[in-house]
PDB file of N, CA and C in Angstrom:
ATOM      1  N   UNK A   1     -21.052 -11.445 -41.959  1.00  0.00           N
ATOM      2  CA  UNK A   1     -22.032 -11.508 -40.648  1.00  0.00           C
ATOM      3  C   UNK A   1     -22.164 -11.799 -39.752  1.00  0.00           C
ATOM      4  N   UNK A   2     -22.910 -13.204 -40.519  1.00  0.00           N
ATOM      5  CA  UNK A   2     -22.837 -13.977 -39.340  1.00  0.00           C
ATOM      6  C   UNK A   2     -21.946 -14.367 -38.470  1.00  0.00           C
ATOM      7  N   UNK A   3     -20.699 -14.827 -39.494  1.00  0.00           N
ATOM      8  CA  UNK A   3     -19.362 -14.647 -38.469  1.00  0.00           C
ATOM      9  C   UNK A   3     -19.301 -13.850 -37.076  1.00  0.00           C
ATOM     10  N   UNK A   4     -19.451 -12.541 -36.518  1.00  0.00           N
ATOM     11  CA  UNK A   4     -19.355 -12.694 -36.538  1.00  0.00           C
ATOM     12  C   UNK A   4     -20.599 -12.335 -34.819  1.00  0.00           C
ATOM     13  N   UNK A   5     -22.059 -12.326 -35.460  1.00  0.00           N
ATOM     14  CA  UNK A   5     -22.477 -12.893 -34.163  1.00  0.00           C
ATOM     15  C   UNK A   5     -22.014 -14.050 -33.816  1.00  0.00           C
ATOM     16  N   UNK A   6     -21.734 -14.918 -34.491  1.00  0.00           N
ATOM     17  CA  UNK A   6     -21.525 -16.284 -33.733  1.00  0.00           C
ATOM     18  C   UNK A   6     -20.444 -15.840 -32.874  1.00  0.00           C
ATOM     19  N   UNK A   7     -19.366 -15.138 -33.256  1.00  0.00           N
ATOM     20  CA  UNK A   7     -18.582 -15.216 -32.329  1.00  0.00           C
ATOM     21  C   UNK A   7     -18.349 -14.492 -30.847  1.00  0.00           C
ATOM     22  N   UNK A   8     -20.219 -13.121 -31.352  1.00  0.00           N
ATOM     23  CA  UNK A   8     -20.156 -13.101 -30.211  1.00  0.00           C
ATOM     24  C   UNK A   8     -21.171 -14.119 -29.391  1.00  0.00           C
ATOM     25  N   UNK A   9     -21.586 -14.380 -29.403  1.00  0.00           N
ATOM     26  CA  UNK A   9     -22.693 -15.455 -29.329  1.00  0.00           C
ATOM     27  C   UNK A   9     -21.655 -16.519 -28.377  1.00  0.00           C
ATOM     28  N   UNK A  10     -20.507 -16.940 -28.649  1.00  0.00           N
ATOM     29  CA  UNK A  10     -20.015 -17.534 -27.859  1.00  0.00           C
ATOM     30  C   UNK A  10     -18.876 -17.094 -26.567  1.00  0.00           C
ATOM     31  N   UNK A  11     -18.434 -16.417 -26.661  1.00  0.00           N
ATOM     32  CA  UNK A  11     -17.763 -15.298 -26.157  1.00  0.00           C
ATOM     33  C   UNK A  11     -18.990 -14.892 -24.668  1.00  0.00           C
ATOM     34  N   UNK A  12     -20.373 -14.792 -25.748  1.00  0.00           N
ATOM     35  CA  UNK A  12     -21.283 -14.891 -24.188  1.00  0.00           C
ATOM     36  C   UNK A  12     -21.123 -15.840 -23.389  1.00  0.00           C
ATOM     37  N   UNK A  13     -21.051 -17.015 -24.036  1.00  0.00           N
ATOM     38  CA  UNK A  13     -21.748 -17.957 -23.827  1.00  0.00           C
ATOM     39  C   UNK A  13     -20.344 -18.475 -22.339  1.00  0.00           C
ATOM     40  N   UNK A  14     -19.535 -18.127 -23.135  1.00  0.00           N
ATOM     41  CA  UNK A  14     -18.000 -18.148 -22.045  1.00  0.00           C
ATOM     42  C   UNK A  14     -18.152 -17.219 -21.147  1.00  0.00           C
ATOM     43  N   UNK A  15     -18.456 -16.126 -21.131  1.00  0.00           N
ATOM     44  CA  UNK A  15     -18.817 -15.132 -20.009  1.00  0.00           C
ATOM     45  C   UNK A  15     -19.850 -15.226 -18.628  1.00  0.00           C
ATOM     46  N   UNK A  16     -20.937 -15.912 -19.580  1.00  0.00           N
ATOM     47  CA  UNK A  16     -22.119 -17.154 -18.549  1.00  0.00           C
ATOM     48  C   UNK A  16     -21.350 -18.169 -17.845  1.00  0.00           C
ATOM     49  N   UNK A  17     -20.541 -18.876 -18.616  1.00  0.00           N
ATOM     50  CA  UNK A  17     -20.056 -20.178 -17.893  1.00  0.00           C
ATOM     51  C   UNK A  17     -19.527 -19.503 -16.956  1.00  0.00           C
ATOM     52  N   UNK A  18     -18.574 -18.548 -17.099  1.00  0.00           N
ATOM     53  CA  UNK A  18     -17.982 -18.294 -16.099  1.00  0.00           C
ATOM     54  C   UNK A  18     -17.953 -17.844 -14.780  1.00  0.00           C
ATOM     55  N   UNK A  19     -19.213 -16.194 -14.920  1.00  0.00           N
ATOM     56  CA  UNK A  19     -19.955 -16.160 -14.367  1.00  0.00           C
ATOM     57  C   UNK A  19     -20.473 -17.130 -12.797  1.00  0.00           C
ATOM     58  N   UNK A  20     -21.226 -18.510 -13.712  1.00  0.00           N
ATOM     59  CA  UNK A  20     -22.112 -19.094 -12.724  1.00  0.00           C
ATOM     60  C   UNK A  20     -20.844 -20.253 -11.763  1.00  0.00           C
ATOM     61  N   UNK A  21     -19.857 -20.204 -12.544  1.00  0.00           N
ATOM     62  CA  UNK A  21     -18.435 -21.088 -11.823  1.00  0.00           C
ATOM     63  C   UNK A  21     -18.520 -20.008 -11.313  1.00  0.00           C
ATOM     64  N   UNK A  22     -17.933 -18.998 -10.861  1.00  0.00           N
ATOM     65  CA  UNK A  22     -17.798 -18.365 -10.207  1.00  0.00           C
ATOM     66  C   UNK A  22     -18.701 -18.402  -8.848  1.00  0.00           C
ATOM     67  N   UNK A  23     -19.539 -18.135  -9.058  1.00  0.00           N
ATOM     68  CA  UNK A  23     -20.813 -17.832  -7.681  1.00  0.00           C
ATOM     69  C   UNK A  23     -21.801 -19.241  -7.363  1.00  0.00           C
ATOM     70  N   UNK A  24     -20.333 -20.479  -8.123  1.00  0.00           N
ATOM     71  CA  UNK A  24     -21.285 -21.605  -7.337  1.00  0.00           C
ATOM     72  C   UNK A  24     -19.619 -21.468  -6.062  1.00  0.00           C
ATOM     73  N   UNK A  25     -18.703 -21.613  -7.389  1.00  0.00           N
ATOM     74  CA  UNK A  25     -17.553 -21.406  -5.679  1.00  0.00           C
ATOM     75  C   UNK A  25     -17.557 -20.311  -4.424  1.00  0.00           C
ATOM     76  N   UNK A  26     -18.712 -18.837  -5.141  1.00  0.00           N
ATOM     77  CA  UNK A  26     -18.874 -17.781  -4.068  1.00  0.00           C
ATOM     78  C   UNK A  26     -20.037 -19.376  -2.745  1.00  0.00           C
ATOM     79  N   UNK A  27     -20.309 -19.783  -3.337  1.00  0.00           N
ATOM     80  CA  UNK A  27     -21.445 -20.081  -2.420  1.00  0.00           C
ATOM     81  C   UNK A  27     -20.757 -20.945  -1.461  1.00  0.00           C
ATOM     82  N   UNK A  28     -19.928 -21.979  -2.634  1.00  0.00           N
ATOM     83  CA  UNK A  28     -19.378 -22.941  -1.742  1.00  0.00           C
ATOM     84  C   UNK A  28     -17.849 -22.939  -0.093  1.00  0.00           C
ATOM     85  N   UNK A  29     -17.593 -21.913  -0.874  1.00  0.00           N
ATOM     86  CA  UNK A  29     -16.267 -21.142  -0.111  1.00  0.00           C
ATOM     87  C   UNK A  29     -17.200 -20.701   1.603  1.00  0.00           C
ATOM     88  N   UNK A  30     -16.347 -22.116   2.346  1.00  0.00           N
ATOM     89  CA  UNK A  30     -16.894 -21.724   3.836  1.00  0.00           C
ATOM     90  C   UNK A  30     -15.009 -20.915   4.779  1.00  0.00           C
ATOM     91  N   UNK A  31     -14.325 -19.721   3.896  1.00  0.00           N
ATOM     92  CA  UNK A  31     -13.867 -19.119   4.634  1.00  0.00           C
ATOM     93  C   UNK A  31     -14.931 -17.856   5.828  1.00  0.00           C
ATOM     94  N   UNK A  32     -15.616 -17.645   5.118  1.00  0.00           N
ATOM     95  CA  UNK A  32     -16.194 -16.772   5.868  1.00  0.00           C
ATOM     96  C   UNK A  32     -16.810 -17.087   7.489  1.00  0.00           C
ATOM     97  N   UNK A  33     -16.793 -18.519   7.464  1.00  0.00           N
ATOM     98  CA  UNK A  33     -17.816 -19.356   8.519  1.00  0.00           C
ATOM     99  C   UNK A  33     -16.733 -19.279   9.654  1.00  0.00           C
ATOM    100  N   UNK A  34     -15.457 -19.210   9.349  1.00  0.00           N
ATOM    101  CA  UNK A  34     -14.805 -18.849  10.785  1.00  0.00           C
ATOM    102  C   UNK A  34     -14.476 -17.959  10.823  1.00  0.00           C
ATOM    103  N   UNK A  35     -14.482 -16.839  10.566  1.00  0.00           N
ATOM    104  CA  UNK A  35     -14.798 -15.484  10.626  1.00  0.00           C
ATOM    105  C   UNK A  35     -15.684 -15.368  11.658  1.00  0.00           C
ATOM    106  N   UNK A  36     -17.183 -15.606  11.320  1.00  0.00           N
ATOM    107  CA  UNK A  36     -18.447 -15.634  12.289  1.00  0.00           C
ATOM    108  C   UNK A  36     -18.316 -16.874  13.607  1.00  0.00           C
ATOM    109  N   UNK A  37     -17.498 -17.555  13.280  1.00  0.00           N
ATOM    110  CA  UNK A  37     -17.437 -18.294  14.301  1.00  0.00           C
ATOM    111  C   UNK A  37     -16.618 -18.040  15.580  1.00  0.00           C
ATOM    112  N   UNK A  38     -15.021 -16.894  15.251  1.00  0.00           N
ATOM    113  CA  UNK A  38     -14.551 -16.628  16.008  1.00  0.00           C
ATOM    114  C   UNK A  38     -15.067 -15.650  16.972  1.00  0.00           C
ATOM    115  N   UNK A  39     -15.664 -15.319  16.369  1.00  0.00           N
ATOM    116  CA  UNK A  39     -17.033 -13.694  16.222  1.00  0.00           C
ATOM    117  C   UNK A  39     -17.979 -14.055  17.566  1.00  0.00           C
ATOM    118  N   UNK A  40     -18.460 -15.361  17.100  1.00  0.00           N
ATOM    119  CA  UNK A  40     -19.364 -16.039  18.476  1.00  0.00           C
ATOM    120  C   UNK A  40     -18.618 -16.366  19.478  1.00  0.00           C
ATOM    121  N   UNK A  41     -17.351 -16.972  19.479  1.00  0.00           N
ATOM    122  CA  UNK A  41     -16.529 -17.420  20.394  1.00  0.00           C
ATOM    123  C   UNK A  41     -16.345 -16.134  21.161  1.00  0.00           C
ATOM    124  N   UNK A  42     -15.704 -14.808  20.895  1.00  0.00           N
ATOM    125  CA  UNK A  42     -15.473 -13.370  21.850  1.00  0.00           C
ATOM    126  C   UNK A  42     -16.728 -12.920  22.596  1.00  0.00           C
ATOM    127  N   UNK A  43     -17.664 -12.927  21.685  1.00  0.00           N
ATOM    128  CA  UNK A  43     -18.889 -12.787  22.185  1.00  0.00           C
ATOM    129  C   UNK A  43     -19.771 -13.401  23.535  1.00  0.00           C
ATOM    130  N   UNK A  44     -18.966 -15.140  23.462  1.00  0.00           N
ATOM    131  CA  UNK A  44     -19.193 -15.627  24.876  1.00  0.00           C
ATOM    132  C   UNK A  44     -18.802 -15.466  25.134  1.00  0.00           C
ATOM    133  N   UNK A  45     -17.728 -15.099  25.053  1.00  0.00           N
ATOM    134  CA  UNK A  45     -16.454 -14.927  26.250  1.00  0.00           C
ATOM    135  C   UNK A  45     -16.211 -13.071  27.085  1.00  0.00           C
ATOM    136  N   UNK A  46     -16.909 -12.572  25.947  1.00  0.00           N
ATOM    137  CA  UNK A  46     -17.463 -11.299  26.841  1.00  0.00           C
ATOM    138  C   UNK A  46     -18.277 -12.021  27.899  1.00  0.00           C
ATOM    139  N   UNK A  47     -19.474 -12.176  27.513  1.00  0.00           N
ATOM    140  CA  UNK A  47     -20.445 -12.440  28.098  1.00  0.00           C
ATOM    141  C   UNK A  47     -19.408 -13.050  29.637  1.00  0.00           C
ATOM    142  N   UNK A  48     -19.351 -13.927  29.511  1.00  0.00           N
ATOM    143  CA  UNK A  48     -18.253 -15.184  30.664  1.00  0.00           C
ATOM    144  C   UNK A  48     -17.714 -14.189  31.592  1.00  0.00           C
ATOM    145  N   UNK A  49     -17.559 -13.136  30.950  1.00  0.00           N
ATOM    146  CA  UNK A  49     -16.232 -11.737  31.533  1.00  0.00           C
ATOM    147  C   UNK A  49     -16.995 -11.172  32.055  1.00  0.00           C
ATOM    148  N   UNK A  50     -17.709 -10.742  31.958  1.00  0.00           N
ATOM    149  CA  UNK A  50     -19.090  -9.537  32.433  1.00  0.00           C
ATOM    150  C   UNK A  50     -19.764 -10.207  33.499  1.00  0.00           C
ATOM    151  N   UNK A  51     -19.942 -11.567  33.713  1.00  0.00           N
ATOM    152  CA  UNK A  51     -20.850 -12.416  34.024  1.00  0.00           C
ATOM    153  C   UNK A  51     -20.608 -12.441  35.491  1.00  0.00           C
ATOM    154  N   UNK A  52     -19.179 -12.958  35.524  1.00  0.00           N
ATOM    155  CA  UNK A  52     -17.851 -13.046  36.542  1.00  0.00           C
ATOM    156  C   UNK A  52     -17.652 -11.794  37.173  1.00  0.00           C
ATOM    157  N   UNK A  53     -17.517 -10.327  36.548  1.00  0.00           N
ATOM    158  CA  UNK A  53     -16.779  -9.701  37.407  1.00  0.00           C
ATOM    159  C   UNK A  53     -18.152  -8.008  36.922  1.00  0.00           C
ATOM    160  N   UNK A  54     -18.999  -8.681  37.467  1.00  0.00           N
ATOM    161  CA  UNK A  54     -20.470  -7.620  37.224  1.00  0.00           C
ATOM    162  C   UNK A  54     -20.433  -6.715  38.173  1.00  0.00           C
ATOM    163  N   UNK A  55     -19.757  -6.992  39.722  1.00  0.00           N
ATOM    164  CA  UNK A  55     -19.445  -5.310  40.181  1.00  0.00           C
ATOM    165  C   UNK A  55     -18.478  -4.715  40.462  1.00  0.00           C
ATOM    166  N   UNK A  56     -17.456  -4.277  39.132  1.00  0.00           N
ATOM    167  CA  UNK A  56     -16.963  -3.218  39.159  1.00  0.00           C
ATOM    168  C   UNK A  56     -15.564  -3.946  39.398  1.00  0.00           C
ATOM    169  N   UNK A  57     -15.083  -5.048  39.588  1.00  0.00           N
ATOM    170  CA  UNK A  57     -14.091  -6.073  39.978  1.00  0.00           C
ATOM    171  C   UNK A  57     -12.965  -5.200  38.276  1.00  0.00           C
ATOM    172  N   UNK A  58     -13.798  -5.815  36.954  1.00  0.00           N
ATOM    173  CA  UNK A  58     -12.473  -6.581  36.208  1.00  0.00           C
ATOM    174  C   UNK A  58     -12.011  -4.064  35.801  1.00  0.00           C
ATOM    175  N   UNK A  59     -12.900  -3.143  36.568  1.00  0.00           N
ATOM    176  CA  UNK A  59     -12.354  -1.990  35.670  1.00  0.00           C
ATOM    177  C   UNK A  59     -11.221  -2.008  36.792  1.00  0.00           C
ATOM    178  N   UNK A  60     -11.280  -1.352  38.123  1.00  0.00           N
ATOM    179  CA  UNK A  60     -10.476  -1.721  39.366  1.00  0.00           C
ATOM    180  C   UNK A  60      -9.135  -2.695  39.369  1.00  0.00           C
ATOM    181  N   UNK A  61      -9.530  -3.806  38.454  1.00  0.00           N
ATOM    182  CA  UNK A  61      -7.986  -4.723  38.585  1.00  0.00           C
ATOM    183  C   UNK A  61      -7.624  -3.725  36.543  1.00  0.00           C
ATOM    184  N   UNK A  62      -7.857  -3.275  36.274  1.00  0.00           N
ATOM    185  CA  UNK A  62      -7.723  -3.191  34.551  1.00  0.00           C
ATOM    186  C   UNK A  62      -6.712  -2.044  35.264  1.00  0.00           C
ATOM    187  N   UNK A  63      -7.698  -0.810  36.019  1.00  0.00           N
ATOM    188  CA  UNK A  63      -7.336   0.561  36.769  1.00  0.00           C
ATOM    189  C   UNK A  63      -6.234  -0.168  37.522  1.00  0.00           C
ATOM    190  N   UNK A  64      -5.956  -0.757  38.040  1.00  0.00           N
ATOM    191  CA  UNK A  64      -4.495  -1.225  38.625  1.00  0.00           C
ATOM    192  C   UNK A  64      -3.430  -1.365  37.733  1.00  0.00           C
ATOM    193  N   UNK A  65      -3.799  -2.334  37.098  1.00  0.00           N
ATOM    194  CA  UNK A  65      -2.801  -3.061  36.081  1.00  0.00           C
ATOM    195  C   UNK A  65      -2.238  -2.213  35.419  1.00  0.00           C
ATOM    196  N   UNK A  66      -2.865  -0.897  34.669  1.00  0.00           N
ATOM    197  CA  UNK A  66      -2.354   0.160  34.053  1.00  0.00           C
ATOM    198  C   UNK A  66      -1.192   0.956  35.129  1.00  0.00           C
ATOM    199  N   UNK A  67      -2.060   1.643  36.095  1.00  0.00           N
ATOM    200  CA  UNK A  67      -1.424   2.113  37.209  1.00  0.00           C
ATOM    201  C   UNK A  67       0.343   1.167  37.153  1.00  0.00           C
ATOM    202  N   UNK A  68      -0.106  -0.157  37.441  1.00  0.00           N
ATOM    203  CA  UNK A  68       1.357  -0.603  37.871  1.00  0.00           C
ATOM    204  C   UNK A  68       2.676  -0.469  36.163  1.00  0.00           C
ATOM    205  N   UNK A  69       1.910  -0.603  35.095  1.00  0.00           N
ATOM    206  CA  UNK A  69       2.878  -0.567  34.314  1.00  0.00           C
ATOM    207  C   UNK A  69       3.202   0.831  33.719  1.00  0.00           C
ATOM    208  N   UNK A  70       2.428   2.084  34.300  1.00  0.00           N
ATOM    209  CA  UNK A  70       2.661   3.362  33.440  1.00  0.00           C
ATOM    210  C   UNK A  70       4.123   3.904  34.414  1.00  0.00           C
ATOM    211  N   UNK A  71       3.373   3.076  36.136  1.00  0.00           N
ATOM    212  CA  UNK A  71       4.674   3.538  37.255  1.00  0.00           C
ATOM    213  C   UNK A  71       5.971   2.468  37.022  1.00  0.00           C
ATOM    214  N   UNK A  72       6.036   1.592  36.267  1.00  0.00           N
ATOM    215  CA  UNK A  72       7.198   0.865  35.750  1.00  0.00           C
ATOM    216  C   UNK A  72       7.979   1.448  34.955  1.00  0.00           C
ATOM    217  N   UNK A  73       7.103   2.039  34.368  1.00  0.00           N
ATOM    218  CA  UNK A  73       7.522   2.496  32.832  1.00  0.00           C
ATOM    219  C   UNK A  73       8.514   3.889  33.136  1.00  0.00           C
ATOM    220  N   UNK A  74       7.889   4.594  33.983  1.00  0.00           N
ATOM    221  CA  UNK A  74       8.081   6.054  34.499  1.00  0.00           C
ATOM    222  C   UNK A  74       9.672   5.443  35.023  1.00  0.00           C
ATOM    223  N   UNK A  75       9.211   4.474  36.171  1.00  0.00           N
ATOM    224  CA  UNK A  75      10.616   4.035  37.076  1.00  0.00           C
ATOM    225  C   UNK A  75      12.084   3.928  36.204  1.00  0.00           C
ATOM    226  N   UNK A  76      11.754   2.996  34.878  1.00  0.00           N
ATOM    227  CA  UNK A  76      12.549   2.663  34.406  1.00  0.00           C
ATOM    228  C   UNK A  76      13.297   3.629  33.318  1.00  0.00           C
ATOM    229  N   UNK A  77      12.510   4.739  32.945  1.00  0.00           N
ATOM    230  CA  UNK A  77      12.864   5.882  32.369  1.00  0.00           C
ATOM    231  C   UNK A  77      13.478   6.577  33.315  1.00  0.00           C
ATOM    232  N   UNK A  78      14.037   6.875  34.896  1.00  0.00           N
ATOM    233  CA  UNK A  78      14.444   7.666  35.411  1.00  0.00           C
ATOM    234  C   UNK A  78      15.949   7.147  35.723  1.00  0.00           C
ATOM    235  N   UNK A  79      16.841   8.407  35.704  1.00  0.00           N
ATOM    236  CA  UNK A  79      18.529   7.106  35.579  1.00  0.00           C
ATOM    237  C   UNK A  79      18.649   7.653  37.396  1.00  0.00           C
ATOM    238  N   UNK A  80      18.984   7.166  37.962  1.00  0.00           N
ATOM    239  CA  UNK A  80      19.099   7.115  39.252  1.00  0.00           C
ATOM    240  C   UNK A  80      20.279   8.087  39.976  1.00  0.00           C
ATOM    241  N   UNK A  81      20.437   8.567  40.874  1.00  0.00           N
ATOM    242  CA  UNK A  81      21.381  10.084  40.347  1.00  0.00           C
ATOM    243  C   UNK A  81      21.940   9.406  41.511  1.00  0.00           C
ATOM    244  N   UNK A  82      23.531   9.407  41.505  1.00  0.00           N
ATOM    245  CA  UNK A  82      24.495   8.978  42.106  1.00  0.00           C
ATOM    246  C   UNK A  82      25.017   9.795  43.621  1.00  0.00           C
TER     247      UNK A  82
END
Protein backbone atom coordinates (compact mmCIF):
# COMPACT_ATOMS: atom_id res chain seq x y z
CA UNK A 1 0.00 0.00 0.00
CA UNK A 2 2.82 2.40 0.75
CA UNK A 3 4.23 1.78 -2.74
CA UNK A 4 0.98 2.97 -4.27
CA UNK A 5 0.95 6.09 -2.10
CA UNK A 6 4.60 6.80 -2.95
CA UNK A 7 3.83 6.35 -6.65
CA UNK A 8 0.95 8.85 -6.52
CA UNK A 9 3.05 11.33 -4.54
CA UNK A 10 5.78 11.19 -7.18
CA UNK A 11 3.23 11.51 -9.96
CA UNK A 12 1.68 14.56 -8.27
CA UNK A 13 5.12 16.11 -7.81
CA UNK A 14 5.85 15.67 -11.52
CA UNK A 15 2.50 17.18 -12.46
CA UNK A 16 3.06 20.17 -10.18
CA UNK A 17 6.58 20.73 -11.53
CA UNK A 18 5.24 20.64 -15.09
CA UNK A 19 2.48 23.08 -14.18
CA UNK A 20 4.93 25.47 -12.54
CA UNK A 21 7.29 25.26 -15.54
CA UNK A 22 4.41 26.05 -17.92
CA UNK A 23 3.28 28.99 -15.80
CA UNK A 24 6.80 30.41 -15.70
CA UNK A 25 7.11 29.92 -19.46
CA UNK A 26 3.77 31.68 -20.00
CA UNK A 27 4.87 34.56 -17.77
CA UNK A 28 8.06 35.10 -19.78
CA UNK A 29 6.38 34.72 -23.19
CA UNK A 30 6.71 37.96 -25.19
CA UNK A 31 4.66 37.07 -28.29
CA UNK A 32 1.52 38.85 -27.08
CA UNK A 33 3.47 42.05 -26.54
CA UNK A 34 4.07 42.35 -30.28
CA UNK A 35 0.34 42.17 -31.01
CA UNK A 36 -0.32 44.92 -28.48
CA UNK A 37 2.39 47.08 -30.04
CA UNK A 38 0.83 46.64 -33.50
CA UNK A 39 -2.57 47.59 -32.10
CA UNK A 40 -1.12 50.76 -30.56
CA UNK A 41 0.53 51.67 -33.87
CA UNK A 42 -2.75 51.09 -35.74
CA UNK A 43 -4.66 53.33 -33.32
CA UNK A 44 -2.01 56.05 -33.62
CA UNK A 45 -2.13 55.89 -37.42
CA UNK A 46 -5.94 56.08 -37.35
CA UNK A 47 -5.79 59.11 -35.09
CA UNK A 48 -3.34 60.83 -37.45
CA UNK A 49 -5.52 60.10 -40.49
CA UNK A 50 -8.60 61.41 -38.71
CA UNK A 51 -6.73 64.52 -37.58
CA UNK A 52 -5.61 65.25 -41.15
CA UNK A 53 -9.03 64.64 -42.71
CA UNK A 54 -11.36 66.29 -40.21
CA UNK A 55 -13.72 67.97 -42.67
CA UNK A 56 -14.90 64.84 -44.51
CA UNK A 57 -12.32 64.87 -47.29
CA UNK A 58 -11.35 61.29 -46.46
CA UNK A 59 -14.88 60.02 -46.96
CA UNK A 60 -15.18 61.87 -50.26
CA UNK A 61 -11.83 60.55 -51.44
CA UNK A 62 -12.78 56.99 -50.53
CA UNK A 63 -16.15 57.27 -52.26
CA UNK A 64 -14.55 58.68 -55.41
CA UNK A 65 -11.89 55.95 -55.42
CA UNK A 66 -14.47 53.20 -55.03
CA UNK A 67 -16.62 54.71 -57.78
CA UNK A 68 -13.62 54.81 -60.12
CA UNK A 69 -12.73 51.19 -59.36
CA UNK A 70 -16.35 50.12 -59.86
CA UNK A 71 -16.59 51.97 -63.18
CA UNK A 72 -13.35 50.39 -64.39
CA UNK A 73 -14.54 46.89 -63.45
CA UNK A 74 -17.87 47.47 -65.19
CA UNK A 75 -16.09 48.84 -68.25
CA UNK A 76 -13.78 45.80 -68.36
CA UNK A 77 -16.76 43.44 -68.39
CA UNK A 78 -18.52 45.02 -71.35
CA UNK A 79 -17.53 43.81 -74.78
CA UNK A 80 -17.29 46.56 -77.36
CA UNK A 81 -19.70 46.19 -80.24
CA UNK A 82 -18.14 46.10 -83.72
